[in-house]
C-alpha atoms as a PDB file:
ATOM      1  CA  MET A   1     158.230 105.972  30.288  1.00  0.00           C
ATOM      2  CA  ASN A   2     160.947 108.591  29.779  1.00  0.00           C
ATOM      3  CA  SER A   3     161.431 108.672  26.022  1.00  0.00           C
ATOM      4  CA  SER A   4     163.840 110.859  24.093  1.00  0.00           C
ATOM      5  CA  LEU A   5     160.984 111.319  21.632  1.00  0.00           C
ATOM      6  CA  PHE A   6     159.257 113.618  24.131  1.00  0.00           C
ATOM      7  CA  ARG A   7     162.186 116.057  24.031  1.00  0.00           C
ATOM      8  CA  ARG A   8     161.890 116.546  20.288  1.00  0.00           C
ATOM      9  CA  ARG A   9     160.819 119.992  19.132  1.00  0.00           C
ATOM     10  CA  GLY A  10     157.110 120.187  18.216  1.00  0.00           C
ATOM     11  CA  ILE A  11     156.258 116.752  19.625  1.00  0.00           C
ATOM     12  CA  GLU A  12     153.266 118.091  21.586  1.00  0.00           C
ATOM     13  CA  LYS A  13     151.570 119.453  18.466  1.00  0.00           C
ATOM     14  CA  GLU A  14     152.425 116.265  16.607  1.00  0.00           C
ATOM     15  CA  LEU A  15     150.860 113.997  19.230  1.00  0.00           C
ATOM     16  CA  PHE A  16     147.750 116.086  19.796  1.00  0.00           C
ATOM     17  CA  ALA A  17     147.277 117.307  16.230  1.00  0.00           C
ATOM     18  CA  GLU A  18     144.074 115.311  15.717  1.00  0.00           C
ATOM     19  CA  GLY A  19     142.102 117.506  18.110  1.00  0.00           C
ATOM     20  CA  SER A  20     140.022 116.390  21.059  1.00  0.00           C
ATOM     21  CA  GLU A  21     140.375 113.118  22.877  1.00  0.00           C
ATOM     22  CA  PRO A  22     138.471 110.121  21.448  1.00  0.00           C
ATOM     23  CA  PRO A  23     135.248 109.171  23.265  1.00  0.00           C
ATOM     24  CA  LEU A  24     135.583 106.454  25.887  1.00  0.00           C
ATOM     25  CA  PRO A  25     134.461 102.962  24.817  1.00  0.00           C
ATOM     26  CA  VAL A  26     131.180 101.735  26.299  1.00  0.00           C
ATOM     27  CA  THR A  27     131.643  99.185  29.117  1.00  0.00           C
ATOM     28  CA  SER A  28     128.022  98.233  29.816  1.00  0.00           C
ATOM     29  CA  TRP A  29     128.792  94.806  28.277  1.00  0.00           C
ATOM     30  CA  TYR A  30     131.409  94.122  30.958  1.00  0.00           C
ATOM     31  CA  GLN A  31     129.430  92.183  33.585  1.00  0.00           C
ATOM     32  CA  PRO A  32     131.574  89.099  34.210  1.00  0.00           C
ATOM     33  CA  THR A  33     129.622  87.839  37.261  1.00  0.00           C
ATOM     34  CA  ILE A  34     126.116  88.382  35.877  1.00  0.00           C
ATOM     35  CA  GLU A  35     124.584  85.981  33.378  1.00  0.00           C
ATOM     36  CA  ASP A  36     122.063  87.565  31.063  1.00  0.00           C
ATOM     37  CA  VAL A  37     118.611  86.012  30.892  1.00  0.00           C
ATOM     38  CA  ASP A  38     118.876  86.070  27.112  1.00  0.00           C
ATOM     39  CA  PRO A  39     122.122  84.239  26.173  1.00  0.00           C
ATOM     40  CA  SER A  40     121.672  85.137  22.497  1.00  0.00           C
ATOM     41  CA  LYS A  41     122.166  88.834  23.256  1.00  0.00           C
ATOM     42  CA  PRO A  42     125.367  89.971  21.478  1.00  0.00           C
ATOM     43  CA  VAL A  43     128.349  91.138  23.529  1.00  0.00           C
ATOM     44  CA  ASN A  44     129.435  94.523  22.205  1.00  0.00           C
ATOM     45  CA  ALA A  45     132.999  94.378  23.462  1.00  0.00           C
ATOM     46  CA  PRO A  46     135.276  96.917  21.750  1.00  0.00           C
ATOM     47  CA  THR A  47     137.859  95.517  19.367  1.00  0.00           C
ATOM     48  CA  LEU A  48     141.513  95.857  20.265  1.00  0.00           C
ATOM     49  CA  MET A  49     143.319  98.819  18.780  1.00  0.00           C
ATOM     50  CA  LYS A  50     145.523  98.565  15.722  1.00  0.00           C
ATOM     51  CA  ALA A  51     149.257  98.978  16.221  1.00  0.00           C
ATOM     52  CA  ASP A  52     149.399 102.615  15.042  1.00  0.00           C
ATOM     53  CA  GLU A  53     146.439 103.695  17.171  1.00  0.00           C
ATOM     54  CA  GLU A  54     147.781 101.823  20.199  1.00  0.00           C
ATOM     55  CA  ARG A  55     151.190 103.482  19.871  1.00  0.00           C
ATOM     56  CA  LEU A  56     149.622 106.937  19.541  1.00  0.00           C
ATOM     57  CA  MET A  57     147.398 106.468  22.606  1.00  0.00           C
ATOM     58  CA  PHE A  58     150.285 105.279  24.790  1.00  0.00           C
ATOM     59  CA  LEU A  59     152.516 108.120  23.615  1.00  0.00           C
ATOM     60  CA  ARG A  60     149.769 110.619  24.427  1.00  0.00           C
ATOM     61  CA  TYR A  61     149.217 109.079  27.853  1.00  0.00           C
ATOM     62  CA  ASN A  62     152.905 109.011  28.772  1.00  0.00           C
ATOM     63  CA  PHE A  63     153.493 112.504  27.399  1.00  0.00           C
ATOM     64  CA  ALA A  64     150.660 113.792  29.599  1.00  0.00           C
ATOM     65  CA  LYS A  65     152.219 112.067  32.634  1.00  0.00           C
ATOM     66  CA  ARG A  66     155.592 113.640  31.807  1.00  0.00           C
ATOM     67  CA  LYS A  67     153.996 117.094  31.581  1.00  0.00           C
ATOM     68  CA  LEU A  68     152.421 116.531  35.004  1.00  0.00           C
ATOM     69  CA  GLN A  69     155.800 115.642  36.515  1.00  0.00           C
ATOM     70  CA  MET A  70     157.372 118.767  35.026  1.00  0.00           C
ATOM     71  CA  LEU A  71     154.523 120.948  36.318  1.00  0.00           C
ATOM     72  CA  GLN A  72     154.858 119.429  39.792  1.00  0.00           C
ATOM     73  CA  LYS A  73     158.532 120.408  39.858  1.00  0.00           C
ATOM     74  CA  ARG A  74     157.700 123.949  38.732  1.00  0.00           C
ATOM     75  CA  ILE A  75     154.974 124.309  41.364  1.00  0.00           C
ATOM     76  CA  LYS A  76     157.354 123.069  44.047  1.00  0.00           C
ATOM     77  CA  ALA A  77     160.043 125.526  42.943  1.00  0.00           C
ATOM     78  CA  GLU A  78     157.950 128.583  42.007  1.00  0.00           C
ATOM     79  CA  GLY A  79     154.808 128.125  44.064  1.00  0.00           C
ATOM     80  CA  LEU A  80     151.261 127.588  42.847  1.00  0.00           C
ATOM     81  CA  THR A  81     149.895 130.178  40.423  1.00  0.00           C
ATOM     82  CA  LYS A  82     146.634 130.324  38.491  1.00  0.00           C
ATOM     83  CA  GLU A  83     148.392 129.559  35.206  1.00  0.00           C
ATOM     84  CA  LEU A  84     150.251 126.552  36.619  1.00  0.00           C
ATOM     85  CA  ALA A  85     147.087 125.260  38.287  1.00  0.00           C
ATOM     86  CA  GLU A  86     145.142 125.462  35.019  1.00  0.00           C
ATOM     87  CA  GLN A  87     147.938 123.699  33.143  1.00  0.00           C
ATOM     88  CA  PHE A  88     148.161 121.008  35.808  1.00  0.00           C
ATOM     89  CA  LEU A  89     144.399 120.339  35.722  1.00  0.00           C
ATOM     90  CA  LYS A  90     144.436 120.272  31.920  1.00  0.00           C
ATOM     91  CA  TRP A  91     147.185 117.651  31.679  1.00  0.00           C
ATOM     92  CA  HIS A  92     145.812 115.648  34.604  1.00  0.00           C
ATOM     93  CA  ARG A  93     142.459 115.394  32.829  1.00  0.00           C
ATOM     94  CA  ARG A  94     144.196 114.320  29.621  1.00  0.00           C
ATOM     95  CA  ALA A  95     146.284 111.682  31.390  1.00  0.00           C
ATOM     96  CA  GLU A  96     143.236 110.240  33.151  1.00  0.00           C
ATOM     97  CA  HIS A  97     141.239 110.223  29.910  1.00  0.00           C
ATOM     98  CA  PHE A  98     143.858 108.308  27.915  1.00  0.00           C
ATOM     99  CA  ARG A  99     144.487 105.914  30.811  1.00  0.00           C
ATOM    100  CA  GLU A 100     140.787 105.103  31.059  1.00  0.00           C
ATOM    101  CA  TYR A 101     140.554 104.780  27.270  1.00  0.00           C
ATOM    102  CA  LEU A 102     143.383 102.228  27.221  1.00  0.00           C
ATOM    103  CA  VAL A 103     141.912 100.265  30.128  1.00  0.00           C
ATOM    104  CA  ARG A 104     138.388 100.157  28.714  1.00  0.00           C
ATOM    105  CA  THR A 105     139.621  99.082  25.294  1.00  0.00           C
ATOM    106  CA  ASN A 106     141.513  96.122  26.772  1.00  0.00           C
ATOM    107  CA  LEU A 107     138.983  94.905  29.379  1.00  0.00           C
ATOM    108  CA  ALA A 108     138.174  91.902  27.198  1.00  0.00           C
ATOM    109  CA  LEU A 109     141.702  90.589  27.880  1.00  0.00           C
ATOM    110  CA  VAL A 110     140.863  90.236  31.580  1.00  0.00           C
ATOM    111  CA  LEU A 111     137.715  88.251  30.842  1.00  0.00           C
ATOM    112  CA  ALA A 112     139.502  86.015  28.332  1.00  0.00           C
ATOM    113  CA  MET A 113     142.351  85.220  30.735  1.00  0.00           C
ATOM    114  CA  ALA A 114     139.972  84.672  33.679  1.00  0.00           C
ATOM    115  CA  LYS A 115     137.891  82.138  31.734  1.00  0.00           C
ATOM    116  CA  ARG A 116     141.028  80.230  30.686  1.00  0.00           C
ATOM    117  CA  THR A 117     142.475  80.105  34.206  1.00  0.00           C
ATOM    118  CA  ARG A 118     141.491  77.522  36.819  1.00  0.00           C
ATOM    119  CA  LEU A 119     142.230  78.701  40.349  1.00  0.00           C
ATOM    120  CA  GLY A 120     140.426  76.080  42.391  1.00  0.00           C
ATOM    121  CA  GLN A 121     138.291  77.501  45.162  1.00  0.00           C
ATOM    122  CA  ILE A 122     138.922  81.177  44.407  1.00  0.00           C
ATOM    123  CA  ASP A 123     135.722  83.031  43.558  1.00  0.00           C
ATOM    124  CA  PHE A 124     135.468  84.104  39.913  1.00  0.00           C
ATOM    125  CA  ALA A 125     134.645  87.689  40.907  1.00  0.00           C
ATOM    126  CA  GLU A 126     137.877  87.877  42.906  1.00  0.00           C
ATOM    127  CA  VAL A 127     139.840  86.546  39.940  1.00  0.00           C
ATOM    128  CA  VAL A 128     138.341  89.187  37.643  1.00  0.00           C
ATOM    129  CA  SER A 129     139.011  91.902  40.230  1.00  0.00           C
ATOM    130  CA  GLU A 130     142.696  90.958  40.410  1.00  0.00           C
ATOM    131  CA  GLY A 131     142.815  90.896  36.607  1.00  0.00           C
ATOM    132  CA  ASN A 132     141.416  94.428  36.471  1.00  0.00           C
ATOM    133  CA  MET A 133     144.091  95.664  38.879  1.00  0.00           C
ATOM    134  CA  ALA A 134     146.806  93.915  36.855  1.00  0.00           C
ATOM    135  CA  LEU A 135     145.501  95.597  33.693  1.00  0.00           C
ATOM    136  CA  LEU A 136     145.708  99.025  35.363  1.00  0.00           C
ATOM    137  CA  ARG A 137     149.304  98.376  36.416  1.00  0.00           C
ATOM    138  CA  ALA A 138     150.165  97.136  32.919  1.00  0.00           C
ATOM    139  CA  VAL A 139     148.839 100.331  31.323  1.00  0.00           C
ATOM    140  CA  ASP A 140     150.967 102.421  33.701  1.00  0.00           C
ATOM    141  CA  LYS A 141     154.169 100.432  33.113  1.00  0.00           C
ATOM    142  CA  PHE A 142     153.966  99.543  29.411  1.00  0.00           C
ATOM    143  CA  ASN A 143     156.763 100.936  27.237  1.00  0.00           C
ATOM    144  CA  VAL A 144     155.427 101.234  23.704  1.00  0.00           C
ATOM    145  CA  GLU A 145     158.881 101.997  22.249  1.00  0.00           C
ATOM    146  CA  ARG A 146     160.079  98.425  22.816  1.00  0.00           C
ATOM    147  CA  GLY A 147     157.975  97.290  19.870  1.00  0.00           C
ATOM    148  CA  PHE A 148     155.743  94.760  21.627  1.00  0.00           C
ATOM    149  CA  LYS A 149     151.955  94.692  21.406  1.00  0.00           C
ATOM    150  CA  PHE A 150     150.224  95.744  24.593  1.00  0.00           C
ATOM    151  CA  SER A 151     147.959  92.670  24.552  1.00  0.00           C
ATOM    152  CA  THR A 152     151.025  90.398  24.847  1.00  0.00           C
ATOM    153  CA  TYR A 153     152.417  92.409  27.753  1.00  0.00           C
ATOM    154  CA  ALA A 154     149.030  92.745  29.471  1.00  0.00           C
ATOM    155  CA  CYS A 155     148.158  89.037  29.240  1.00  0.00           C
ATOM    156  CA  ARG A 156     151.425  88.098  30.952  1.00  0.00           C
ATOM    157  CA  ALA A 157     150.798  90.721  33.649  1.00  0.00           C
ATOM    158  CA  ILE A 158     147.234  89.476  34.196  1.00  0.00           C
ATOM    159  CA  LEU A 159     148.372  85.847  34.495  1.00  0.00           C
ATOM    160  CA  LYS A 160     151.038  86.903  37.019  1.00  0.00           C
ATOM    161  CA  GLY A 161     148.305  88.656  38.983  1.00  0.00           C
ATOM    162  CA  PHE A 162     146.240  85.471  38.980  1.00  0.00           C
ATOM    163  CA  SER A 163     149.289  83.524  40.187  1.00  0.00           C
ATOM    164  CA  ARG A 164     149.798  85.942  43.093  1.00  0.00           C
ATOM    165  CA  THR A 165     146.130  85.624  44.016  1.00  0.00           C
ATOM    166  CA  ALA A 166     146.360  81.824  44.003  1.00  0.00           C
ATOM    167  CA  MET A 167     149.481  81.850  46.212  1.00  0.00           C
ATOM    168  CA  LYS A 168     147.864  84.302  48.629  1.00  0.00           C
ATOM    169  CA  ALA A 169     144.718  82.165  48.841  1.00  0.00           C
ATOM    170  CA  SER A 170     146.805  79.032  49.384  1.00  0.00           C
ATOM    171  CA  ARG A 171     148.681  80.635  52.290  1.00  0.00           C
ATOM    172  CA  HIS A 172     145.414  81.837  53.777  1.00  0.00           C
ATOM    173  CA  ARG A 173     143.844  78.359  53.619  1.00  0.00           C
ATOM    174  CA  SER A 174     146.913  76.788  55.221  1.00  0.00           C
ATOM    175  CA  ARG A 175     146.767  79.250  58.123  1.00  0.00           C
ATOM    176  CA  PHE A 176     142.999  79.319  58.575  1.00  0.00           C
ATOM    177  CA  PRO A 177     141.574  75.910  57.644  1.00  0.00           C
ATOM    178  CA  VAL A 178     137.797  75.658  58.081  1.00  0.00           C
ATOM    179  CA  GLU A 179     135.431  72.735  58.157  1.00  0.00           C
ATOM    180  CA  PHE A 180     132.431  72.388  55.874  1.00  0.00           C
ATOM    181  CA  GLU A 181     129.646  74.622  57.167  1.00  0.00           C
ATOM    182  CA  PRO A 182     126.342  74.404  55.255  1.00  0.00           C
ATOM    183  CA  ASP A 183     125.061  77.662  56.755  1.00  0.00           C
ATOM    184  CA  LEU A 184     128.018  79.518  55.234  1.00  0.00           C
ATOM    185  CA  GLU A 185     127.694  78.019  51.756  1.00  0.00           C
ATOM    186  CA  LYS A 186     126.844  80.235  48.819  1.00  0.00           C
ATOM    187  CA  SER A 187     123.110  80.575  48.296  1.00  0.00           C
ATOM    188  CA  ASP A 188     121.512  78.886  45.298  1.00  0.00           C
ATOM    189  CA  TRP A 189     118.843  81.578  45.092  1.00  0.00           C
ATOM    190  CA  ALA A 190     120.201  82.884  41.782  1.00  0.00           C
ATOM    191  CA  ASP A 191     120.101  79.391  40.220  1.00  0.00           C
ATOM    192  CA  ARG A 192     116.565  78.774  41.457  1.00  0.00           C
ATOM    193  CA  ARG A 193     115.458  82.193  40.270  1.00  0.00           C
ATOM    194  CA  ARG A 194     117.033  81.574  36.860  1.00  0.00           C
ATOM    195  CA  GLN A 195     115.243  78.228  36.588  1.00  0.00           C
ATOM    196  CA  THR A 196     111.942  79.893  37.481  1.00  0.00           C
ATOM    197  CA  ILE A 197     112.478  82.548  34.822  1.00  0.00           C
ATOM    198  CA  GLU A 198     113.310  79.876  32.233  1.00  0.00           C
ATOM    199  CA  GLU A 199     110.114  77.959  33.051  1.00  0.00           C
ATOM    200  CA  GLU A 200     108.061  81.141  32.839  1.00  0.00           C
ATOM    201  CA  CYS A 201     109.666  81.977  29.498  1.00  0.00           C
ATOM    202  CA  ILE A 202     108.854  78.500  28.159  1.00  0.00           C
ATOM    203  CA  ASP A 203     105.224  78.890  29.238  1.00  0.00           C
ATOM    204  CA  GLU A 204     105.110  82.301  27.613  1.00  0.00           C
ATOM    205  CA  LEU A 205     106.663  80.867  24.449  1.00  0.00           C
ATOM    206  CA  LYS A 206     103.905  78.248  24.255  1.00  0.00           C
ATOM    207  CA  VAL A 207     101.232  80.924  24.604  1.00  0.00           C
ATOM    208  CA  ILE A 208     102.869  83.127  21.958  1.00  0.00           C
ATOM    209  CA  VAL A 209     103.056  80.278  19.431  1.00  0.00           C
ATOM    210  CA  ASP A 210      99.629  78.781  20.226  1.00  0.00           C
ATOM    211  CA  ARG A 211      97.895  82.166  19.938  1.00  0.00           C
ATOM    212  CA  ASN A 212     100.262  83.378  17.207  1.00  0.00           C
ATOM    213  CA  LEU A 213     100.924  86.629  19.068  1.00  0.00           C
ATOM    214  CA  ALA A 214     104.142  87.102  17.082  1.00  0.00           C
ATOM    215  CA  ASP A 215     102.350  87.004  13.681  1.00  0.00           C
ATOM    216  CA  LEU A 216     104.275  83.929  12.538  1.00  0.00           C
ATOM    217  CA  THR A 217     103.605  82.540   9.092  1.00  0.00           C
ATOM    218  CA  SER A 218     102.473  78.934   8.791  1.00  0.00           C
ATOM    219  CA  ILE A 219     105.977  77.914   7.669  1.00  0.00           C
ATOM    220  CA  GLU A 220     107.604  79.723  10.614  1.00  0.00           C
ATOM    221  CA  GLU A 221     105.174  78.122  13.070  1.00  0.00           C
ATOM    222  CA  THR A 222     105.863  74.670  11.625  1.00  0.00           C
ATOM    223  CA  VAL A 223     109.624  75.172  11.927  1.00  0.00           C
ATOM    224  CA  ILE A 224     109.394  76.367  15.547  1.00  0.00           C
ATOM    225  CA  ARG A 225     107.099  73.520  16.617  1.00  0.00           C
ATOM    226  CA  ARG A 226     109.223  70.863  14.888  1.00  0.00           C
ATOM    227  CA  ARG A 227     112.538  72.275  16.085  1.00  0.00           C
ATOM    228  CA  PHE A 228     111.629  72.679  19.778  1.00  0.00           C
ATOM    229  CA  ASN A 229     108.840  70.098  20.138  1.00  0.00           C
ATOM    230  CA  TRP A 230     107.843  71.037  23.710  1.00  0.00           C
ATOM    231  CA  GLN A 231     104.405  69.398  23.432  1.00  0.00           C
ATOM    232  CA  GLU A 232     105.641  65.866  22.664  1.00  0.00           C
ATOM    233  CA  GLN A 233     108.326  65.212  25.245  1.00  0.00           C
ATOM    234  CA  GLU A 234     108.724  61.561  24.235  1.00  0.00           C
ATOM    235  CA  GLN A 235     110.089  62.599  20.843  1.00  0.00           C
ATOM    236  CA  SER A 236     113.347  64.417  20.269  1.00  0.00           C
ATOM    237  CA  PRO A 237     113.244  67.769  18.449  1.00  0.00           C
ATOM    238  CA  LEU A 238     113.974  67.460  14.745  1.00  0.00           C
ATOM    239  CA  THR A 239     117.225  68.633  13.209  1.00  0.00           C
ATOM    240  CA  LEU A 240     117.411  71.397  10.627  1.00  0.00           C
ATOM    241  CA  GLU A 241     117.857  68.827   7.875  1.00  0.00           C
ATOM    242  CA  GLU A 242     114.837  66.777   9.015  1.00  0.00           C
ATOM    243  CA  VAL A 243     112.621  69.854   9.155  1.00  0.00           C
ATOM    244  CA  GLY A 244     113.899  70.861   5.716  1.00  0.00           C
ATOM    245  CA  ARG A 245     112.778  67.521   4.256  1.00  0.00           C
ATOM    246  CA  ILE A 246     109.297  68.028   5.718  1.00  0.00           C
ATOM    247  CA  ILE A 247     108.744  71.506   4.272  1.00  0.00           C
ATOM    248  CA  GLY A 248     110.864  70.964   1.149  1.00  0.00           C
ATOM    249  CA  VAL A 249     113.763  73.388   1.662  1.00  0.00           C
ATOM    250  CA  THR A 250     117.454  73.175   2.546  1.00  0.00           C
ATOM    251  CA  LYS A 251     118.634  73.119   6.160  1.00  0.00           C
ATOM    252  CA  GLU A 252     120.247  76.550   5.698  1.00  0.00           C
ATOM    253  CA  ARG A 253     116.874  77.949   4.632  1.00  0.00           C
ATOM    254  CA  VAL A 254     115.315  76.318   7.710  1.00  0.00           C
ATOM    255  CA  ARG A 255     117.929  78.056   9.862  1.00  0.00           C
ATOM    256  CA  GLN A 256     117.029  81.413   8.309  1.00  0.00           C
ATOM    257  CA  ILE A 257     113.307  80.837   8.860  1.00  0.00           C
ATOM    258  CA  GLN A 258     113.967  79.761  12.458  1.00  0.00           C
ATOM    259  CA  ASN A 259     116.082  82.841  13.222  1.00  0.00           C
ATOM    260  CA  LYS A 260     113.452  85.146  11.753  1.00  0.00           C
ATOM    261  CA  ALA A 261     110.696  83.474  13.789  1.00  0.00           C
ATOM    262  CA  LEU A 262     112.758  83.590  16.987  1.00  0.00           C
ATOM    263  CA  ALA A 263     113.407  87.296  16.444  1.00  0.00           C
ATOM    264  CA  LYS A 264     109.655  87.907  16.256  1.00  0.00           C
ATOM    265  CA  ILE A 265     109.028  85.822  19.385  1.00  0.00           C
ATOM    266  CA  ARG A 266     111.875  87.480  21.272  1.00  0.00           C
ATOM    267  CA  GLN A 267     110.431  90.920  20.517  1.00  0.00           C
ATOM    268  CA  VAL A 268     107.044  89.895  21.910  1.00  0.00           C
ATOM    269  CA  MET A 269     108.669  88.400  25.016  1.00  0.00           C
ATOM    270  CA  GLU A 270     110.819  91.476  25.616  1.00  0.00           C
ATOM    271  CA  ASP A 271     107.698  93.620  25.440  1.00  0.00           C
ATOM    272  CA  GLY A 272     105.945  91.301  27.876  1.00  0.00           C
ATOM    273  CA  VAL A 273     107.268  88.653  30.223  1.00  0.00           C
ATOM    274  CA  LEU A 274     110.982  89.505  30.166  1.00  0.00           C
ATOM    275  CA  LYS A 275     110.335  93.182  30.866  1.00  0.00           C
ATOM    276  CA  THR A 276     108.187  92.395  33.904  1.00  0.00           C
ATOM    277  CA  ARG A 277     110.430  89.601  35.168  1.00  0.00           C
ATOM    278  CA  SER A 278     113.705  91.531  34.820  1.00  0.00           C
ATOM    279  CA  THR A 279     113.041  93.595  37.972  1.00  0.00           C
ATOM    280  CA  PRO A 280     113.647  91.694  41.231  1.00  0.00           C
ATOM    281  CA  LEU A 281     110.590  90.857  43.292  1.00  0.00           C
ATOM    282  CA  LEU A 282     110.418  92.751  46.572  1.00  0.00           C
ATOM    283  CA  GLU A 283     108.758  91.387  49.665  1.00  0.00           C
ATOM    284  CA  PRO A 284     105.665  93.381  50.686  1.00  0.00           C
ATOM    285  CA  THR A 285     106.214  95.814  53.554  1.00  0.00           C
ATOM    286  CA  PRO A 286     104.133  94.837  56.600  1.00  0.00           C
ATOM    287  CA  PRO A 287     101.669  97.445  57.887  1.00  0.00           C
ATOM    288  CA  VAL A 288     102.832  99.697  60.707  1.00  0.00           C
ATOM    289  CA  GLY A 289     102.087  98.272  64.097  1.00  0.00           C
ATOM    290  CA  VAL A 290     101.765  94.640  62.982  1.00  0.00           C
END
């Protein structure tokens, strides 16, 4: 982006007047191919930037890239000196920081577009990977002075990336058709392991409630037993309204009691079964010489 704004006197101080670069958003939530054992765990995805903040970040990023280009020309013409090297490293670090900040802030767009797109036999991880690459290209090419929001531009770029991936996969399948081969099918180990963990968690839940390890009140225990009803499989679990009629409160109050009880149970399970089950089981190493 070669903007006339960057040639204005004092623009560098104006853009970087707020001091140091903002900290990078946390991306530990971004695990698109891994399903958490606890689906109620909140996803702490960063919110998209407001228009003013987005404009400032893109101007900073593109100004840093422009400074790098100017320094490259000076180094080529004058030769590398200590001062030029320090300036180059300084602006390179700034450019990389703002680029990563913009990418991390908009990662949720990739996940949203990937979940809305149906690409047949293409693996979901490959779709997300192509979306990540499209997001990187969009950050590099976006011109903030045209007045559009980056999310609009990025979503179109991500969908185009998905389209290219689908066309590439289609050409590959037409050139290299393969028959069904059971030995090459994706393993169902993860599904079986997840089912085992769920069964173990249910057993642990029964023990926690039966022994009252979570210090539930009598009302909380009644709500949990009536709502989930794992001991009487022939009967369906009661609704919030039905449980409310039994204990004499509204269904919203039942929901609050249920959430409080589940929080207590979840804490006990996290301290016990979930903590021990979260690490993968390793096969024992056979003795030497056997």
